[in-house]
Amino acid sequence: MPPSPSLLPPRPARPGRRALLAALAGLVAAPALPGVAPAQPAAPPVLATTAMIGDLARRIGGGRIALDVLMGEGVDPHLYKPTRGDIARLLKAELVLTNGLLLEGQMTGAFERVARAGKPVVAVAESLPPEFLLSPEGAAGHHDPHVWMDPQAWSRAAALIAQHLTTLEPAGAAAFARNLADLQAELVALDAWAEQAIASIPARQRVLVTAHDAFNYFSRRYGLEVMGIQGLSTESEAGLRRMEELVALLVERGIPAVFVESSVSDRNVRALVEGAAARGHRVVIGGSLFSDAMGAPGTYEGTYPGMIDHNVTTMVRALGGEAPPRGFADRLAEAR
C-alpha cells in the first residue's frame, strides 16, 4: 500500500522567474575563469564589389574584418545586375566598397538603397584626387573607371581603403597601417619590375590590342600604345570601321600578337586575327589578360599583385620582350 501523501518528503520549491533571471545575470557578469579567453567581438562585415578592391581590403584588414566580394572570377562589372540576394548582402555589410566611375553601372539603384539604410558606401576610385584619373577622348566627359591598371594609382586607393577600415574599426588602426605599408612596398617592387620588362619590348611592337578599352591607365604608366576594339564599357558595340582600322595597324606595324580578356567575349579579337591573315600578316592570340576581373580565388592570379604580374608577363613575352615564364614573383601557374 503506497504511503499517504502526508508521509512523502516535501518537494523543493521551484525558484520564481525573477530568481532565475537574477541567477543568469550573475553568470553573465561573472569574471572569466583562469585560462579561458573572453569571447572576441565579431569582425565587422565589409563588402567589396570587385575582387580588385576586395584583395586590397583583405590584405589591409587581415582577420579584423569579415570580407565579402560580390563579383568573382570572370564576371564583367559593366554588365552585372544585382539579384535580391545581392541586395541582402549589401544591406548586411557595415561598409560597402565600390569602384565607382560608372564601372558598376547597373548597380546604382542598389547603392542608393544601401545609403538610405544608413550604411556607408565608398566609391574608392572615384575618391582619388583628380590627377590620378583619366578622361579619354570620346568618353563624354566621364572618367575611365579602370584605375587599378596603374599600380601607383591603386596603391593610393589602398591608402583610402585603410582610412575607411580604421574609421569602421579604430582598434585595428595600427595593424591596418602595418598591412598597408607591406602591401605598398610589394607594389613598388612589382611596378619597377613591370616598367623594366615592358621597356624590353621592341619599340615598334609596343602596342597592346585588346577586346575593350580597359588599359588606358596601364598605357599612361608604362608607355605602351593601347587599342581596344570596344570602348570603356563592354556594353558598347564594335564597329566595322574600328575593326578595319585595327587590322591595318596590325599589318603596318608588324604587331605579332593581340590579346583576349578573361571577362569579355573573344569573338572580336579572333575576327582581327582573321582579318590580318587575309592581308598576309600572321597575328596570334598572345594570351588572356585580366581586365575587369582577376583570377580564381585562392590562386596567385586571384590577387591584385598576381593580376598585374600575369598581365605584364603575358604581354611582354607575346610582344617580343623579356620576362621570366613564371613572372616577377615566380608564382604564375603556367609558363607563358
Protein backbone atom coordinates (compact mmCIF):
# COMPACT_ATOMS: atom_id res chain seq x y z
CA MET A 1 0.00 0.00 0.00
CA PRO A 2 1.57 3.35 -1.05
CA PRO A 3 2.37 5.80 1.72
CA SER A 4 -0.04 8.53 2.46
CA PRO A 5 0.74 11.88 0.75
CA SER A 6 1.32 13.39 4.13
CA LEU A 7 4.20 10.97 4.74
CA LEU A 8 6.05 11.80 1.46
CA PRO A 9 9.04 14.20 1.75
CA PRO A 10 8.14 17.74 0.69
CA ARG A 11 9.14 18.82 -2.87
CA PRO A 12 11.70 21.57 -3.09
CA ALA A 13 10.17 24.89 -4.04
CA ARG A 14 10.72 25.98 -7.64
CA PRO A 15 12.56 29.27 -7.95
CA GLY A 16 10.48 32.11 -9.30
CA ARG A 17 11.12 33.76 -12.68
CA ARG A 18 12.86 36.73 -11.07
CA ALA A 19 15.21 34.43 -9.18
CA LEU A 20 16.13 32.62 -12.41
CA LEU A 21 16.82 35.90 -14.20
CA ALA A 22 18.97 37.10 -11.33
CA ALA A 23 20.99 33.89 -11.40
CA LEU A 24 21.52 34.17 -15.15
CA ALA A 25 22.59 37.79 -14.82
CA GLY A 26 25.13 36.74 -12.22
CA LEU A 27 26.57 34.16 -14.60
CA VAL A 28 26.90 36.73 -17.40
CA ALA A 29 28.58 39.23 -15.11
CA ALA A 30 30.90 36.66 -13.53
CA PRO A 31 34.59 37.07 -14.39
CA ALA A 32 36.13 34.67 -16.91
CA LEU A 33 37.71 31.56 -15.45
CA PRO A 34 41.51 31.49 -15.33
CA GLY A 35 42.95 30.28 -18.66
CA VAL A 36 39.69 30.85 -20.57
CA ALA A 37 39.90 33.68 -23.14
CA PRO A 38 36.90 36.02 -23.18
CA ALA A 39 34.75 35.93 -26.32
CA GLN A 40 36.04 38.24 -29.04
CA PRO A 41 33.66 40.69 -30.73
CA ALA A 42 32.60 39.67 -34.23
CA ALA A 43 34.63 41.17 -37.08
CA PRO A 44 32.59 43.86 -38.85
CA PRO A 45 31.25 42.74 -42.25
CA VAL A 46 32.73 44.60 -45.23
CA LEU A 47 31.55 44.08 -48.82
CA ALA A 48 33.64 44.91 -51.91
CA THR A 49 32.01 44.89 -55.33
CA THR A 50 35.09 43.71 -57.28
CA ALA A 51 37.99 41.45 -56.46
CA MET A 52 40.48 44.22 -57.26
CA ILE A 53 39.04 46.22 -54.34
CA GLY A 54 38.41 43.15 -52.22
CA ASP A 55 42.02 41.97 -52.36
CA LEU A 56 43.28 45.31 -51.04
CA ALA A 57 40.71 45.22 -48.23
CA ARG A 58 41.67 41.62 -47.40
CA ARG A 59 45.39 42.42 -47.25
CA ILE A 60 44.90 45.55 -45.16
CA GLY A 61 42.09 44.30 -42.92
CA GLY A 62 43.54 40.89 -42.17
CA GLY A 63 41.36 38.98 -39.73
CA ARG A 64 39.83 42.14 -38.29
CA ILE A 65 37.12 42.34 -40.96
CA ALA A 66 34.71 39.79 -42.42
CA LEU A 67 35.15 40.38 -46.15
CA ASP A 68 32.56 39.54 -48.81
CA VAL A 69 33.34 40.07 -52.53
CA LEU A 70 30.31 40.40 -54.78
CA MET A 71 31.79 39.75 -58.24
CA GLY A 72 34.13 36.84 -58.72
CA GLU A 73 36.33 35.33 -61.42
CA GLY A 74 35.27 36.11 -64.98
CA VAL A 75 32.43 38.46 -64.02
CA ASP A 76 32.05 41.65 -66.07
CA PRO A 77 31.17 44.53 -63.70
CA HIS A 78 29.94 46.70 -66.58
CA LEU A 79 27.06 44.28 -67.19
CA TYR A 80 26.46 42.97 -63.67
CA LYS A 81 22.90 43.29 -62.35
CA PRO A 82 22.36 42.66 -58.62
CA THR A 83 20.00 39.91 -57.50
CA ARG A 84 17.72 40.04 -54.46
CA GLY A 85 20.35 38.02 -52.63
CA ASP A 86 23.00 40.60 -53.55
CA ILE A 87 20.83 43.37 -52.09
CA ALA A 88 20.64 41.41 -48.83
CA ARG A 89 24.43 41.03 -48.81
CA LEU A 90 24.87 44.75 -49.40
CA LEU A 91 22.47 45.67 -46.60
CA LYS A 92 24.18 43.27 -44.20
CA ALA A 93 27.56 44.99 -44.60
CA GLU A 94 28.69 47.76 -42.26
CA LEU A 95 30.90 49.19 -45.04
CA VAL A 96 30.43 48.84 -48.81
CA LEU A 97 33.48 49.47 -51.04
CA THR A 98 32.73 50.11 -54.71
CA ASN A 99 34.89 51.23 -57.61
CA GLY A 100 32.57 53.97 -58.85
CA LEU A 101 33.13 55.98 -62.04
CA LEU A 102 30.19 54.05 -63.52
CA LEU A 103 32.07 50.72 -63.53
CA GLU A 104 29.15 49.07 -61.72
CA GLY A 105 26.67 50.95 -63.87
CA GLN A 106 23.78 48.52 -63.32
CA MET A 107 24.05 48.79 -59.53
CA THR A 108 23.42 52.50 -58.94
CA GLY A 109 19.94 51.89 -57.55
CA ALA A 110 21.24 49.21 -55.17
CA PHE A 111 23.91 51.55 -53.80
CA GLU A 112 21.33 54.27 -53.24
CA ARG A 113 19.18 51.82 -51.29
CA VAL A 114 22.13 50.88 -49.05
CA ALA A 115 22.93 54.56 -48.44
CA ARG A 116 19.30 55.24 -47.48
CA ALA A 117 19.63 52.45 -44.91
CA GLY A 118 22.40 54.45 -43.26
CA LYS A 119 25.29 52.24 -44.41
CA PRO A 120 28.47 53.92 -45.74
CA VAL A 121 29.05 53.32 -49.47
CA VAL A 122 32.55 54.38 -50.55
CA ALA A 123 33.46 54.69 -54.25
CA VAL A 124 37.20 54.02 -53.98
CA ALA A 125 38.40 55.01 -57.47
CA GLU A 126 36.01 57.96 -57.54
CA SER A 127 37.58 59.24 -54.29
CA LEU A 128 41.08 59.53 -55.75
CA PRO A 129 42.50 63.01 -56.44
CA PRO A 130 41.75 64.25 -59.99
CA GLU A 131 45.37 63.91 -61.12
CA PHE A 132 45.08 60.13 -60.82
CA LEU A 133 42.07 59.92 -63.18
CA LEU A 134 41.82 59.88 -66.96
CA SER A 135 39.00 61.19 -69.17
CA PRO A 136 39.68 59.65 -72.59
CA GLU A 137 38.53 61.30 -75.78
CA GLY A 138 35.10 60.06 -76.75
CA ALA A 139 34.09 59.20 -73.18
CA ALA A 140 31.54 62.05 -72.99
CA GLY A 141 33.42 63.66 -70.12
CA HIS A 142 33.32 60.55 -67.94
CA HIS A 143 36.42 59.30 -66.15
CA ASP A 144 37.85 55.94 -67.15
CA PRO A 145 36.96 53.52 -64.30
CA HIS A 146 39.85 51.06 -64.82
CA VAL A 147 42.18 52.79 -62.35
CA TRP A 148 43.57 49.52 -60.94
CA MET A 149 45.62 49.06 -64.13
CA ASP A 150 48.13 51.58 -62.71
CA PRO A 151 49.76 50.06 -59.59
CA GLN A 152 50.83 53.51 -58.38
CA ALA A 153 47.27 54.82 -58.51
CA TRP A 154 45.91 51.62 -56.95
CA SER A 155 48.43 51.93 -54.13
CA ARG A 156 46.83 55.28 -53.38
CA ALA A 157 43.44 53.56 -53.45
CA ALA A 158 44.76 51.10 -50.85
CA ALA A 159 45.55 54.02 -48.55
CA LEU A 160 41.95 55.24 -48.90
CA ILE A 161 40.63 51.79 -48.02
CA ALA A 162 42.86 51.71 -44.94
CA GLN A 163 41.38 55.04 -43.79
CA HIS A 164 37.81 53.74 -44.07
CA LEU A 165 38.66 50.47 -42.31
CA THR A 166 40.18 52.48 -39.47
CA THR A 167 37.00 54.55 -39.19
CA LEU A 168 34.99 51.34 -39.04
CA GLU A 169 37.30 49.55 -36.58
CA PRO A 170 39.53 52.07 -34.73
CA ALA A 171 41.12 49.37 -32.57
CA GLY A 172 42.75 47.94 -35.70
CA ALA A 173 44.45 51.18 -36.77
CA ALA A 174 48.00 50.03 -36.03
CA ALA A 175 47.51 46.66 -37.74
CA PHE A 176 45.90 48.31 -40.77
CA ALA A 177 48.83 50.73 -41.08
CA ARG A 178 51.38 47.87 -40.94
CA ASN A 179 49.50 45.81 -43.50
CA LEU A 180 49.15 48.81 -45.81
CA ALA A 181 52.89 49.51 -45.63
CA ASP A 182 53.69 45.88 -46.52
CA LEU A 183 51.27 45.92 -49.45
CA GLN A 184 52.56 49.22 -50.81
CA ALA A 185 56.17 48.03 -50.60
CA GLU A 186 55.23 44.95 -52.64
CA LEU A 187 53.51 47.11 -55.24
CA VAL A 188 56.54 49.44 -55.54
CA ALA A 189 58.79 46.47 -56.36
CA LEU A 190 56.28 44.96 -58.81
CA ASP A 191 55.78 48.31 -60.53
CA ALA A 192 59.52 48.85 -61.02
CA TRP A 193 59.92 45.38 -62.50
CA ALA A 194 56.92 45.87 -64.82
CA GLU A 195 58.41 49.11 -66.15
CA GLN A 196 61.71 47.39 -66.92
CA ALA A 197 60.08 44.34 -68.54
CA ILE A 198 57.79 46.39 -70.79
CA ALA A 199 60.75 48.54 -71.91
CA SER A 200 62.32 45.35 -73.31
CA ILE A 201 59.58 45.04 -75.98
CA PRO A 202 60.85 46.33 -79.36
CA ALA A 203 59.55 49.89 -79.73
CA ARG A 204 57.66 49.24 -82.98
CA GLN A 205 55.79 46.33 -81.38
CA ARG A 206 54.96 48.12 -78.13
CA VAL A 207 51.24 48.12 -78.96
CA LEU A 208 48.57 46.40 -76.87
CA VAL A 209 45.42 45.42 -78.78
CA THR A 210 42.63 44.03 -76.58
CA ALA A 211 38.87 43.47 -76.52
CA HIS A 212 37.92 46.78 -74.86
CA ASP A 213 39.50 49.97 -73.53
CA ALA A 214 40.50 48.72 -70.09
CA PHE A 215 44.22 49.54 -70.31
CA ASN A 216 44.45 53.33 -70.60
CA TYR A 217 45.91 53.69 -67.10
CA PHE A 218 48.34 50.90 -67.90
CA SER A 219 49.36 52.81 -71.02
CA ARG A 220 49.88 56.04 -69.09
CA ARG A 221 52.09 54.32 -66.54
CA TYR A 222 54.23 52.14 -68.84
CA GLY A 223 54.25 53.88 -72.21
CA LEU A 224 52.52 51.29 -74.38
CA GLU A 225 50.04 52.26 -77.04
CA VAL A 226 46.72 50.59 -76.24
CA MET A 227 43.95 49.89 -78.72
CA GLY A 228 40.61 48.49 -77.60
CA ILE A 229 38.06 47.13 -80.03
CA GLN A 230 35.18 48.29 -77.82
CA GLY A 231 35.04 51.45 -75.73
CA LEU A 232 35.41 51.90 -71.97
CA SER A 233 32.35 49.76 -71.32
CA THR A 234 31.73 46.30 -72.75
CA GLU A 235 28.16 47.48 -73.40
CA SER A 236 29.43 49.41 -76.44
CA GLU A 237 29.44 47.73 -79.84
CA ALA A 238 32.47 47.20 -82.06
CA GLY A 239 32.01 48.99 -85.39
CA LEU A 240 33.22 47.68 -88.75
CA ARG A 241 35.31 50.82 -89.28
CA ARG A 242 37.11 50.29 -85.96
CA MET A 243 37.87 46.68 -86.86
CA GLU A 244 39.31 47.74 -90.23
CA GLU A 245 41.50 50.39 -88.57
CA LEU A 246 42.93 47.85 -86.15
CA VAL A 247 43.62 45.27 -88.85
CA ALA A 248 45.50 47.92 -90.86
CA LEU A 249 47.52 48.84 -87.75
CA LEU A 250 48.48 45.21 -87.11
CA VAL A 251 49.68 44.75 -90.67
CA GLU A 252 51.51 48.09 -90.96
CA ARG A 253 53.37 47.79 -87.64
CA GLY A 254 54.02 44.06 -87.88
CA ILE A 255 52.47 43.50 -84.47
CA PRO A 256 52.80 39.80 -83.61
CA ALA A 257 50.03 39.32 -81.04
CA VAL A 258 46.66 40.53 -79.80
CA PHE A 259 45.00 39.63 -76.52
CA VAL A 260 41.67 38.38 -75.26
CA GLU A 261 40.31 39.22 -71.82
CA SER A 262 39.08 36.80 -69.17
CA SER A 263 35.76 38.62 -68.63
CA VAL A 264 34.97 39.59 -72.26
CA SER A 265 33.99 37.51 -75.29
CA ASP A 266 36.93 36.69 -77.59
CA ARG A 267 34.83 36.89 -80.77
CA ASN A 268 36.03 40.33 -81.92
CA VAL A 269 39.68 39.60 -81.17
CA ARG A 270 39.53 36.43 -83.25
CA ALA A 271 37.99 38.44 -86.08
CA LEU A 272 41.07 40.71 -86.00
CA VAL A 273 43.36 37.70 -86.33
CA GLU A 274 41.38 36.50 -89.36
CA GLY A 275 41.38 39.99 -90.90
CA ALA A 276 45.16 40.28 -90.60
CA ALA A 277 45.63 36.81 -92.07
CA ALA A 278 43.52 37.82 -95.07
CA ARG A 279 46.06 40.59 -95.70
CA GLY A 280 49.03 38.24 -95.42
CA HIS A 281 50.10 39.06 -91.84
CA ARG A 282 50.17 36.38 -89.17
CA VAL A 283 48.94 37.51 -85.77
CA VAL A 284 48.46 35.16 -82.83
CA ILE A 285 46.39 35.48 -79.68
CA GLY A 286 49.14 36.17 -77.18
CA GLY A 287 47.13 35.09 -74.15
CA SER A 288 44.24 36.04 -71.94
CA LEU A 289 44.60 39.16 -69.81
CA PHE A 290 42.77 40.02 -66.61
CA SER A 291 40.96 43.31 -67.19
CA ASP A 292 37.71 43.74 -65.24
CA ALA A 293 38.14 40.64 -63.09
CA MET A 294 41.06 38.77 -61.53
CA GLY A 295 41.93 35.07 -61.47
CA ALA A 296 40.39 32.32 -59.38
CA PRO A 297 40.18 32.90 -55.60
CA GLY A 298 42.99 31.17 -53.74
CA THR A 299 45.46 31.46 -56.64
CA TYR A 300 48.27 33.97 -57.10
CA GLU A 301 46.47 35.34 -60.17
CA GLY A 302 43.47 35.84 -57.88
CA THR A 303 45.38 38.56 -56.01
CA TYR A 304 45.93 42.10 -57.23
CA PRO A 305 49.76 41.75 -57.48
CA GLY A 306 49.24 38.42 -59.24
CA MET A 307 46.85 40.02 -61.71
CA ILE A 308 49.39 42.68 -62.69
CA ASP A 309 52.26 40.15 -62.76
CA HIS A 310 50.25 37.86 -65.03
CA ASN A 311 49.27 40.65 -67.42
CA VAL A 312 52.78 42.09 -67.73
CA THR A 313 54.41 38.70 -68.17
CA THR A 314 51.86 37.56 -70.75
CA MET A 315 52.03 40.66 -72.92
CA VAL A 316 55.81 41.13 -72.70
CA ARG A 317 56.57 37.58 -73.79
CA ALA A 318 53.99 37.64 -76.60
CA LEU A 319 55.18 41.00 -77.99
CA GLY A 320 58.86 40.05 -78.15
CA GLY A 321 60.16 41.36 -74.82
CA GLU A 322 61.91 39.58 -71.97
CA ALA A 323 60.14 38.29 -68.87
CA PRO A 324 60.56 35.05 -66.91
CA PRO A 325 57.90 32.43 -67.71
CA ARG A 326 56.59 32.39 -64.14
CA GLY A 327 56.65 36.15 -63.76
CA PHE A 328 58.12 38.64 -61.32
CA ALA A 329 57.34 36.61 -58.20
CA ASP A 330 57.99 33.18 -59.82
CA ARG A 331 54.44 32.24 -58.86
CA LEU A 332 52.42 32.24 -62.08
CA ALA A 333 50.58 28.99 -62.63
CA GLU A 334 51.91 28.21 -66.10
CA ALA A 335 54.77 29.16 -68.35
CA ARG A 336 53.58 31.74 -70.88
